[in-house]
Each structure stands twice: as structure tokens, then as C-alpha cells.
N, C-alpha and C. Protein backbone atom coordinates (compact mmCIF):
# COMPACT_ATOMS: atom_id res chain seq x y z
N MET A 1 0.82 -1.20 0.00
CA MET A 1 0.00 0.00 0.00
C MET A 1 0.86 1.25 0.00
N LYS A 2 1.97 1.20 0.75
CA LYS A 2 2.87 2.34 0.82
C LYS A 2 3.45 2.64 -0.56
N LYS A 3 3.77 1.57 -1.31
CA LYS A 3 4.30 1.72 -2.66
C LYS A 3 3.28 2.42 -3.55
N PHE A 4 2.04 2.02 -3.43
CA PHE A 4 0.96 2.60 -4.22
C PHE A 4 0.82 4.09 -3.94
N ILE A 5 0.76 4.46 -2.69
CA ILE A 5 0.59 5.87 -2.31
C ILE A 5 1.78 6.70 -2.78
N PHE A 6 2.96 6.17 -2.58
CA PHE A 6 4.18 6.87 -2.99
C PHE A 6 4.20 7.12 -4.50
N LEU A 7 3.94 6.07 -5.26
CA LEU A 7 3.97 6.19 -6.71
C LEU A 7 2.92 7.17 -7.22
N VAL A 8 1.73 7.12 -6.67
CA VAL A 8 0.67 8.05 -7.06
C VAL A 8 1.07 9.48 -6.74
N CYS A 9 1.68 9.72 -5.58
CA CYS A 9 2.10 11.07 -5.22
C CYS A 9 3.14 11.62 -6.18
N VAL A 10 4.19 10.87 -6.41
CA VAL A 10 5.29 11.37 -7.25
C VAL A 10 4.85 11.55 -8.70
N VAL A 11 4.20 10.54 -9.27
CA VAL A 11 3.78 10.64 -10.67
C VAL A 11 2.65 11.66 -10.79
N GLY A 12 1.77 11.70 -9.81
CA GLY A 12 0.66 12.65 -9.85
C GLY A 12 1.12 14.10 -9.85
N VAL A 13 2.13 14.43 -9.04
CA VAL A 13 2.67 15.80 -9.02
C VAL A 13 3.22 16.16 -10.40
N ALA A 14 3.95 15.24 -11.01
CA ALA A 14 4.51 15.51 -12.34
C ALA A 14 3.40 15.74 -13.36
N LEU A 15 2.36 14.92 -13.32
CA LEU A 15 1.27 15.08 -14.27
C LEU A 15 0.52 16.40 -14.03
N MET A 16 0.38 16.78 -12.79
CA MET A 16 -0.29 18.06 -12.50
C MET A 16 0.52 19.22 -13.06
N LEU A 17 1.85 19.18 -12.89
CA LEU A 17 2.69 20.24 -13.45
C LEU A 17 2.68 20.20 -14.97
N TYR A 18 2.62 19.01 -15.54
CA TYR A 18 2.58 18.87 -17.00
C TYR A 18 1.34 19.54 -17.57
N LYS A 19 0.22 19.40 -16.89
CA LYS A 19 -1.02 19.94 -17.45
C LYS A 19 -1.31 21.38 -17.05
N THR A 20 -0.35 22.05 -16.39
CA THR A 20 -0.55 23.47 -16.11
C THR A 20 -0.56 24.23 -17.44
N LYS A 21 -1.07 25.39 -17.43
CA LYS A 21 -1.31 26.12 -18.67
C LYS A 21 -0.03 26.44 -19.43
N LEU A 22 0.17 25.73 -20.49
CA LEU A 22 1.30 25.92 -21.38
C LEU A 22 0.71 26.02 -22.78
N ARG A 23 0.62 27.20 -23.30
CA ARG A 23 -0.04 27.42 -24.59
C ARG A 23 0.82 26.86 -25.72
N MET A 24 0.22 25.97 -26.51
CA MET A 24 0.90 25.38 -27.66
C MET A 24 -0.01 25.51 -28.88
N GLN A 25 0.53 25.23 -30.01
CA GLN A 25 -0.25 25.29 -31.24
C GLN A 25 -1.32 24.19 -31.23
N PRO A 26 -2.60 24.53 -31.40
CA PRO A 26 -3.64 23.51 -31.36
C PRO A 26 -3.83 22.73 -32.66
N GLN A 27 -3.03 23.02 -33.69
CA GLN A 27 -3.24 22.33 -34.96
C GLN A 27 -2.83 20.86 -34.90
N ALA A 28 -3.27 20.11 -35.92
CA ALA A 28 -2.98 18.68 -36.00
C ALA A 28 -1.47 18.46 -36.14
N ILE A 29 -1.01 17.40 -35.54
CA ILE A 29 0.41 17.04 -35.61
C ILE A 29 0.58 16.04 -36.75
N THR A 30 1.31 16.45 -37.77
CA THR A 30 1.48 15.58 -38.94
C THR A 30 2.79 14.80 -38.93
N GLN A 31 3.84 15.38 -38.39
CA GLN A 31 5.14 14.70 -38.28
C GLN A 31 5.60 14.78 -36.83
N PRO A 32 5.03 13.93 -35.99
CA PRO A 32 5.29 14.05 -34.55
C PRO A 32 6.73 13.73 -34.16
N VAL A 33 7.12 14.32 -33.06
CA VAL A 33 8.36 13.96 -32.37
C VAL A 33 7.89 13.52 -30.98
N PHE A 34 8.36 12.36 -30.55
CA PHE A 34 7.90 11.79 -29.28
C PHE A 34 8.92 12.01 -28.17
N ALA A 35 8.46 12.61 -27.10
CA ALA A 35 9.29 12.70 -25.89
C ALA A 35 9.18 11.37 -25.18
N GLU A 36 10.31 10.84 -24.74
CA GLU A 36 10.33 9.61 -23.96
C GLU A 36 11.13 9.88 -22.69
N VAL A 37 10.45 9.84 -21.55
CA VAL A 37 11.08 10.09 -20.26
C VAL A 37 10.92 8.83 -19.42
N ARG A 38 12.05 8.26 -18.99
CA ARG A 38 12.04 7.04 -18.18
C ARG A 38 12.55 7.35 -16.79
N LEU A 39 11.75 6.94 -15.81
CA LEU A 39 12.12 7.11 -14.40
C LEU A 39 12.19 5.75 -13.74
N THR A 40 13.10 5.60 -12.80
CA THR A 40 13.12 4.39 -11.99
C THR A 40 12.89 4.80 -10.54
N MET A 41 12.24 3.90 -9.82
CA MET A 41 11.94 4.12 -8.41
C MET A 41 12.24 2.84 -7.66
N ASP A 42 13.01 2.95 -6.60
CA ASP A 42 13.28 1.80 -5.74
C ASP A 42 12.43 1.95 -4.50
N ILE A 43 11.45 1.07 -4.38
CA ILE A 43 10.52 1.13 -3.26
C ILE A 43 10.49 -0.24 -2.60
N ARG A 44 10.94 -0.29 -1.37
CA ARG A 44 10.96 -1.54 -0.58
C ARG A 44 11.56 -2.70 -1.37
N ASP A 45 12.78 -2.55 -1.80
CA ASP A 45 13.53 -3.59 -2.53
C ASP A 45 12.90 -3.97 -3.87
N GLU A 46 12.04 -3.17 -4.38
CA GLU A 46 11.46 -3.41 -5.70
C GLU A 46 11.83 -2.26 -6.62
N ASN A 47 12.14 -2.58 -7.86
CA ASN A 47 12.48 -1.57 -8.85
C ASN A 47 11.29 -1.38 -9.78
N ILE A 48 10.82 -0.15 -9.85
CA ILE A 48 9.68 0.19 -10.72
C ILE A 48 10.19 1.17 -11.76
N GLU A 49 9.80 0.95 -12.99
CA GLU A 49 10.15 1.89 -14.06
C GLU A 49 8.85 2.45 -14.63
N VAL A 50 8.82 3.75 -14.81
CA VAL A 50 7.66 4.41 -15.40
C VAL A 50 8.14 5.17 -16.64
N ILE A 51 7.51 4.87 -17.77
CA ILE A 51 7.89 5.52 -19.02
C ILE A 51 6.76 6.46 -19.43
N HIS A 52 7.12 7.69 -19.73
CA HIS A 52 6.17 8.70 -20.20
C HIS A 52 6.48 9.01 -21.66
N PHE A 53 5.45 8.99 -22.48
CA PHE A 53 5.59 9.39 -23.88
C PHE A 53 4.67 10.59 -24.12
N ILE A 54 5.17 11.60 -24.79
CA ILE A 54 4.36 12.76 -25.16
C ILE A 54 4.52 12.96 -26.67
N LYS A 55 3.40 13.08 -27.36
CA LYS A 55 3.41 13.31 -28.81
C LYS A 55 3.45 14.82 -29.04
N THR A 56 4.55 15.31 -29.62
CA THR A 56 4.73 16.75 -29.80
C THR A 56 4.84 17.12 -31.28
N MET A 57 4.81 18.42 -31.55
CA MET A 57 4.84 18.92 -32.93
C MET A 57 6.23 18.89 -33.56
N ASN A 58 7.26 19.14 -32.74
CA ASN A 58 8.61 19.25 -33.28
C ASN A 58 9.63 19.04 -32.16
N GLU A 59 10.90 19.09 -32.54
CA GLU A 59 11.99 18.84 -31.60
C GLU A 59 12.00 19.84 -30.44
N SER A 60 11.80 21.12 -30.74
CA SER A 60 11.87 22.12 -29.67
C SER A 60 10.72 21.96 -28.67
N GLU A 61 9.52 21.67 -29.17
CA GLU A 61 8.40 21.43 -28.26
C GLU A 61 8.63 20.16 -27.45
N CYS A 62 9.21 19.16 -28.08
CA CYS A 62 9.53 17.91 -27.39
C CYS A 62 10.46 18.17 -26.21
N LYS A 63 11.52 18.91 -26.47
CA LYS A 63 12.47 19.21 -25.39
C LYS A 63 11.81 20.02 -24.28
N LEU A 64 11.00 20.99 -24.66
CA LEU A 64 10.31 21.83 -23.68
C LEU A 64 9.41 20.98 -22.77
N LEU A 65 8.58 20.12 -23.38
CA LEU A 65 7.63 19.34 -22.59
C LEU A 65 8.31 18.24 -21.78
N SER A 66 9.33 17.62 -22.35
CA SER A 66 10.01 16.58 -21.57
C SER A 66 10.76 17.21 -20.39
N ASN A 67 11.35 18.39 -20.59
CA ASN A 67 11.99 19.10 -19.48
C ASN A 67 10.98 19.47 -18.41
N ARG A 68 9.82 19.90 -18.83
CA ARG A 68 8.77 20.27 -17.88
C ARG A 68 8.32 19.05 -17.06
N LEU A 69 8.21 17.91 -17.71
CA LEU A 69 7.83 16.69 -17.01
C LEU A 69 8.90 16.30 -15.99
N VAL A 70 10.16 16.36 -16.40
CA VAL A 70 11.26 16.04 -15.49
C VAL A 70 11.28 17.01 -14.31
N GLU A 71 11.05 18.29 -14.56
CA GLU A 71 10.98 19.27 -13.47
C GLU A 71 9.86 18.90 -12.49
N GLY A 72 8.75 18.42 -13.04
CA GLY A 72 7.63 18.00 -12.20
C GLY A 72 8.00 16.83 -11.31
N PHE A 73 8.74 15.87 -11.86
CA PHE A 73 9.17 14.74 -11.04
C PHE A 73 10.13 15.18 -9.96
N LYS A 74 11.05 16.06 -10.32
CA LYS A 74 12.00 16.56 -9.32
C LYS A 74 11.27 17.28 -8.20
N ALA A 75 10.28 18.08 -8.56
CA ALA A 75 9.49 18.79 -7.55
C ALA A 75 8.70 17.81 -6.69
N GLY A 76 8.12 16.80 -7.33
CA GLY A 76 7.37 15.78 -6.58
C GLY A 76 8.26 15.00 -5.64
N ALA A 77 9.45 14.64 -6.12
CA ALA A 77 10.38 13.89 -5.28
C ALA A 77 10.87 14.75 -4.12
N ALA A 78 11.16 16.02 -4.38
CA ALA A 78 11.65 16.92 -3.32
C ALA A 78 10.56 17.16 -2.28
N SER A 79 9.32 17.32 -2.73
CA SER A 79 8.24 17.60 -1.78
C SER A 79 7.94 16.40 -0.89
N LYS A 80 8.27 15.21 -1.35
CA LYS A 80 8.03 14.00 -0.56
C LYS A 80 9.31 13.50 0.09
N ASP A 81 10.42 14.26 -0.08
CA ASP A 81 11.71 13.90 0.48
C ASP A 81 12.13 12.49 0.06
N VAL A 82 12.02 12.22 -1.23
CA VAL A 82 12.36 10.90 -1.76
C VAL A 82 13.33 10.99 -2.92
N GLY A 83 14.14 12.02 -2.94
CA GLY A 83 15.07 12.22 -4.05
C GLY A 83 15.98 11.05 -4.32
N GLN A 84 16.33 10.27 -3.30
CA GLN A 84 17.19 9.11 -3.50
C GLN A 84 16.43 7.93 -4.09
N VAL A 85 15.12 7.95 -4.03
CA VAL A 85 14.30 6.83 -4.49
C VAL A 85 13.95 6.96 -5.97
N VAL A 86 13.68 8.17 -6.44
CA VAL A 86 13.28 8.40 -7.82
C VAL A 86 14.47 8.92 -8.62
N ARG A 87 14.77 8.25 -9.73
CA ARG A 87 15.88 8.66 -10.57
C ARG A 87 15.46 8.75 -12.02
N LEU A 88 16.01 9.74 -12.69
CA LEU A 88 15.80 9.87 -14.13
C LEU A 88 16.72 8.87 -14.82
N LYS A 89 16.14 7.96 -15.57
CA LYS A 89 16.94 6.95 -16.28
C LYS A 89 17.34 7.47 -17.65
N SER A 90 16.38 8.06 -18.36
CA SER A 90 16.69 8.64 -19.67
C SER A 90 15.62 9.64 -20.07
N GLN A 91 16.01 10.53 -20.96
CA GLN A 91 15.11 11.56 -21.47
C GLN A 91 15.57 11.85 -22.89
N GLU A 92 14.69 11.60 -23.86
CA GLU A 92 15.08 11.85 -25.25
C GLU A 92 13.87 12.16 -26.11
N CYS A 93 14.15 12.70 -27.29
CA CYS A 93 13.12 12.99 -28.29
C CYS A 93 13.40 12.11 -29.51
N LYS A 94 12.35 11.50 -30.04
CA LYS A 94 12.49 10.56 -31.16
C LYS A 94 11.42 10.84 -32.21
N SER A 95 11.80 10.66 -33.46
CA SER A 95 10.82 10.85 -34.53
C SER A 95 9.88 9.65 -34.66
N GLU A 96 10.27 8.51 -34.10
CA GLU A 96 9.43 7.32 -34.10
C GLU A 96 9.47 6.66 -32.74
N LEU A 97 8.35 6.08 -32.36
CA LEU A 97 8.32 5.30 -31.13
C LEU A 97 9.01 3.97 -31.37
N PRO A 98 9.62 3.39 -30.35
CA PRO A 98 10.13 2.03 -30.51
C PRO A 98 8.97 1.10 -30.91
N SER A 99 9.25 0.11 -31.74
CA SER A 99 8.18 -0.75 -32.28
C SER A 99 7.32 -1.37 -31.18
N ARG A 100 7.92 -1.66 -30.07
CA ARG A 100 7.19 -2.25 -28.95
C ARG A 100 6.03 -1.37 -28.48
N TYR A 101 6.18 -0.04 -28.60
CA TYR A 101 5.18 0.91 -28.11
C TYR A 101 4.37 1.56 -29.23
N ALA A 102 4.56 1.12 -30.44
CA ALA A 102 3.98 1.79 -31.61
C ALA A 102 2.46 1.97 -31.52
N LYS A 103 1.75 1.05 -30.91
CA LYS A 103 0.29 1.11 -30.93
C LYS A 103 -0.34 1.78 -29.72
N ILE A 104 0.47 2.23 -28.77
CA ILE A 104 -0.16 2.83 -27.59
C ILE A 104 -0.83 4.16 -27.89
N PHE A 105 -0.38 4.87 -28.93
CA PHE A 105 -1.06 6.12 -29.26
C PHE A 105 -2.35 5.88 -30.06
N ASP A 106 -2.62 4.61 -30.37
CA ASP A 106 -3.92 4.22 -30.94
C ASP A 106 -4.80 3.63 -29.84
N ASN A 107 -4.32 3.72 -28.59
CA ASN A 107 -5.01 3.17 -27.42
C ASN A 107 -5.28 1.68 -27.54
N GLU A 108 -4.32 0.98 -28.15
CA GLU A 108 -4.39 -0.48 -28.24
C GLU A 108 -3.92 -1.08 -26.92
N PRO A 109 -4.51 -2.18 -26.48
CA PRO A 109 -4.04 -2.81 -25.25
C PRO A 109 -2.56 -3.20 -25.35
N PHE A 110 -1.90 -3.11 -24.23
CA PHE A 110 -0.49 -3.44 -24.10
C PHE A 110 -0.42 -4.54 -23.04
N PHE A 111 0.72 -5.14 -22.81
CA PHE A 111 0.74 -6.23 -21.83
C PHE A 111 0.67 -5.76 -20.39
N VAL A 112 0.75 -4.44 -20.15
CA VAL A 112 0.48 -3.87 -18.83
C VAL A 112 -0.51 -2.72 -19.03
N PRO A 113 -1.36 -2.45 -18.04
CA PRO A 113 -2.26 -1.30 -18.15
C PRO A 113 -1.44 -0.01 -18.23
N TYR A 114 -1.92 0.95 -19.01
CA TYR A 114 -1.22 2.23 -19.09
C TYR A 114 -2.23 3.37 -19.13
N ILE A 115 -1.74 4.56 -18.81
CA ILE A 115 -2.59 5.75 -18.77
C ILE A 115 -2.50 6.44 -20.12
N SER A 116 -3.66 6.80 -20.64
CA SER A 116 -3.75 7.51 -21.91
C SER A 116 -4.37 8.88 -21.63
N GLY A 117 -3.61 9.93 -21.94
CA GLY A 117 -4.12 11.29 -21.78
C GLY A 117 -4.31 11.92 -23.14
N ALA A 118 -5.51 12.35 -23.44
CA ALA A 118 -5.82 12.95 -24.74
C ALA A 118 -5.33 14.39 -24.80
N ALA A 119 -5.03 14.82 -26.01
CA ALA A 119 -4.69 16.23 -26.23
C ALA A 119 -5.96 17.05 -26.10
N THR A 120 -5.80 18.31 -25.73
CA THR A 120 -6.96 19.19 -25.68
C THR A 120 -6.99 20.06 -26.93
N GLU A 121 -8.18 20.40 -27.37
CA GLU A 121 -8.33 21.19 -28.59
C GLU A 121 -7.77 22.60 -28.46
N ASP A 122 -7.72 23.11 -27.25
CA ASP A 122 -7.22 24.47 -27.05
C ASP A 122 -5.69 24.55 -27.05
N GLY A 123 -5.02 23.41 -27.21
CA GLY A 123 -3.57 23.41 -27.27
C GLY A 123 -2.87 23.48 -25.93
N LEU A 124 -3.61 23.29 -24.84
CA LEU A 124 -2.98 23.35 -23.52
C LEU A 124 -2.28 22.05 -23.13
N ARG A 125 -2.60 20.96 -23.81
CA ARG A 125 -1.96 19.69 -23.47
C ARG A 125 -1.85 18.81 -24.72
N ARG A 126 -0.74 18.12 -24.83
CA ARG A 126 -0.50 17.16 -25.90
C ARG A 126 -0.87 15.76 -25.43
N GLU A 127 -0.97 14.84 -26.40
CA GLU A 127 -1.25 13.45 -26.04
C GLU A 127 -0.13 12.89 -25.20
N LEU A 128 -0.49 12.13 -24.19
CA LEU A 128 0.46 11.59 -23.22
C LEU A 128 0.12 10.13 -22.94
N ARG A 129 1.14 9.30 -22.78
CA ARG A 129 0.96 7.92 -22.34
C ARG A 129 1.94 7.66 -21.21
N VAL A 130 1.47 6.98 -20.17
CA VAL A 130 2.31 6.65 -19.01
C VAL A 130 2.23 5.13 -18.83
N VAL A 131 3.40 4.48 -18.94
CA VAL A 131 3.46 3.01 -18.90
C VAL A 131 4.33 2.60 -17.70
N PRO A 132 3.70 1.98 -16.67
CA PRO A 132 4.48 1.53 -15.50
C PRO A 132 4.90 0.06 -15.65
N PHE A 133 6.11 -0.25 -15.20
CA PHE A 133 6.61 -1.63 -15.18
C PHE A 133 7.09 -1.97 -13.78
N GLY A 134 7.03 -3.24 -13.41
CA GLY A 134 7.55 -3.68 -12.12
C GLY A 134 6.51 -3.73 -11.03
N LEU A 135 5.24 -3.66 -11.40
CA LEU A 135 4.15 -3.72 -10.42
C LEU A 135 3.36 -5.01 -10.63
N THR A 136 2.63 -5.42 -9.60
CA THR A 136 1.71 -6.54 -9.79
C THR A 136 0.55 -6.05 -10.65
N ARG A 137 -0.23 -6.96 -11.19
CA ARG A 137 -1.38 -6.58 -12.01
C ARG A 137 -2.36 -5.74 -11.18
N GLU A 138 -2.57 -6.13 -9.94
CA GLU A 138 -3.50 -5.39 -9.07
C GLU A 138 -3.00 -3.97 -8.83
N GLU A 139 -1.71 -3.83 -8.53
CA GLU A 139 -1.12 -2.51 -8.31
C GLU A 139 -1.21 -1.66 -9.58
N SER A 140 -0.91 -2.27 -10.72
CA SER A 140 -0.98 -1.56 -12.00
C SER A 140 -2.39 -1.04 -12.26
N ASP A 141 -3.38 -1.89 -12.01
CA ASP A 141 -4.77 -1.48 -12.23
C ASP A 141 -5.17 -0.32 -11.32
N LYS A 142 -4.80 -0.39 -10.04
CA LYS A 142 -5.14 0.68 -9.09
C LYS A 142 -4.47 2.00 -9.48
N ILE A 143 -3.17 1.93 -9.74
CA ILE A 143 -2.44 3.14 -10.08
C ILE A 143 -2.95 3.73 -11.39
N CYS A 144 -3.22 2.88 -12.36
CA CYS A 144 -3.74 3.34 -13.64
C CYS A 144 -5.06 4.09 -13.44
N ASP A 145 -5.96 3.51 -12.66
CA ASP A 145 -7.26 4.15 -12.43
C ASP A 145 -7.11 5.50 -11.73
N VAL A 146 -6.28 5.56 -10.71
CA VAL A 146 -6.10 6.80 -9.94
C VAL A 146 -5.45 7.88 -10.80
N LEU A 147 -4.36 7.53 -11.50
CA LEU A 147 -3.65 8.53 -12.28
C LEU A 147 -4.46 8.99 -13.50
N ALA A 148 -5.23 8.10 -14.09
CA ALA A 148 -6.06 8.50 -15.23
C ALA A 148 -7.05 9.60 -14.81
N LYS A 149 -7.49 9.56 -13.57
CA LYS A 149 -8.44 10.57 -13.07
C LYS A 149 -7.77 11.93 -12.87
N THR A 150 -6.43 11.96 -12.74
CA THR A 150 -5.76 13.24 -12.56
C THR A 150 -5.70 14.02 -13.87
N LEU A 151 -5.90 13.33 -14.99
CA LEU A 151 -5.94 13.99 -16.29
C LEU A 151 -7.39 14.24 -16.67
N GLU A 152 -7.68 15.41 -17.16
CA GLU A 152 -9.07 15.74 -17.50
C GLU A 152 -9.68 14.76 -18.51
N GLN A 153 -8.90 14.38 -19.50
CA GLN A 153 -9.39 13.46 -20.51
C GLN A 153 -8.56 12.17 -20.49
N GLY A 154 -8.23 11.72 -19.27
CA GLY A 154 -7.40 10.54 -19.13
C GLY A 154 -8.23 9.28 -18.99
N LYS A 155 -7.64 8.17 -19.41
CA LYS A 155 -8.28 6.88 -19.21
C LYS A 155 -7.21 5.81 -19.08
N CYS A 156 -7.64 4.71 -18.53
CA CYS A 156 -6.76 3.57 -18.35
C CYS A 156 -7.02 2.60 -19.49
N VAL A 157 -5.96 2.18 -20.18
CA VAL A 157 -6.10 1.21 -21.27
C VAL A 157 -5.56 -0.12 -20.78
N ARG A 158 -6.40 -1.15 -20.90
CA ARG A 158 -6.02 -2.50 -20.44
C ARG A 158 -6.06 -3.47 -21.59
């Protein structure tokens, strides 16, 4: 239970900061660049990895949004005094998703539940996917349901 609460707090703070008002172009994205931010968390001798993908318009927007997400995690970790537990594993921008994740932006089921956040028409938020690894199925389902509710147009894909 402690793992569940901790993970929801840290990831939830980052998602809240991500969805703060950041005005972007509301037009359709024709040649996306994907932000991929990977975090690891060591909680009670268990290693959890959470991967965030954001579909952006171009390289500069990708860097801006991935940096904002990382800042959110740092703020969440600092506010919970868990800086040693949460680590940034990688942060990059890619013109294509790895083949393993290619269908998550079509909201296709994956082998673990993941959070799908829709873009808003006003350009305040881009499409987002959050994929957790290292949890039991029950933990994944609970966390997915809770975090999906933190996004206005979020849902859990199973």
C-alpha cells in the first residue's frame, strides 16, 4: 500500500505540473516527435520503471515538454523527500516510437495497463501515455485508475 501511495504522489505531481497552462499550437500534428522520459523508483527492494511518452509537434516542443515533465518529477520527489528513491533513467526525443510501443497512441491494449491522456483542442496539453513496469497486475490497475483521473481526458487502457 505504501508503494501505491508513494507512486501516485510522485507521478501525480509531475502530471499536474505537466497539465498546467502551457499554450501550444492547437493544430494537428502531422510529423510528430515523441518525448520519452524514463524514471526508476526503488521502493521496498522493488524496482519500478515508469515511461512517459508525449506526442509533440517538433523537436523544440519535445524538449520543452520533456523538461517540464522532469521538473515535475524533481518537484514531486523533493516535496516528498524521496530524491534518492526516484531517478531519471533517460530523457530523449524521437521521430518514431520504438516498435514495442507503436500502438499505444492508438489506445491499443499493451501487456500492462497504461494511462492515456488525450490532447486538448485548445492546445494546452499534448497526447500523453504513461506506462508503468515492475508492479503486480492489481497494483498496475489501481495506479492506472487513480492517475487517469488526474488527467481531464485521461483513461486507463487494459
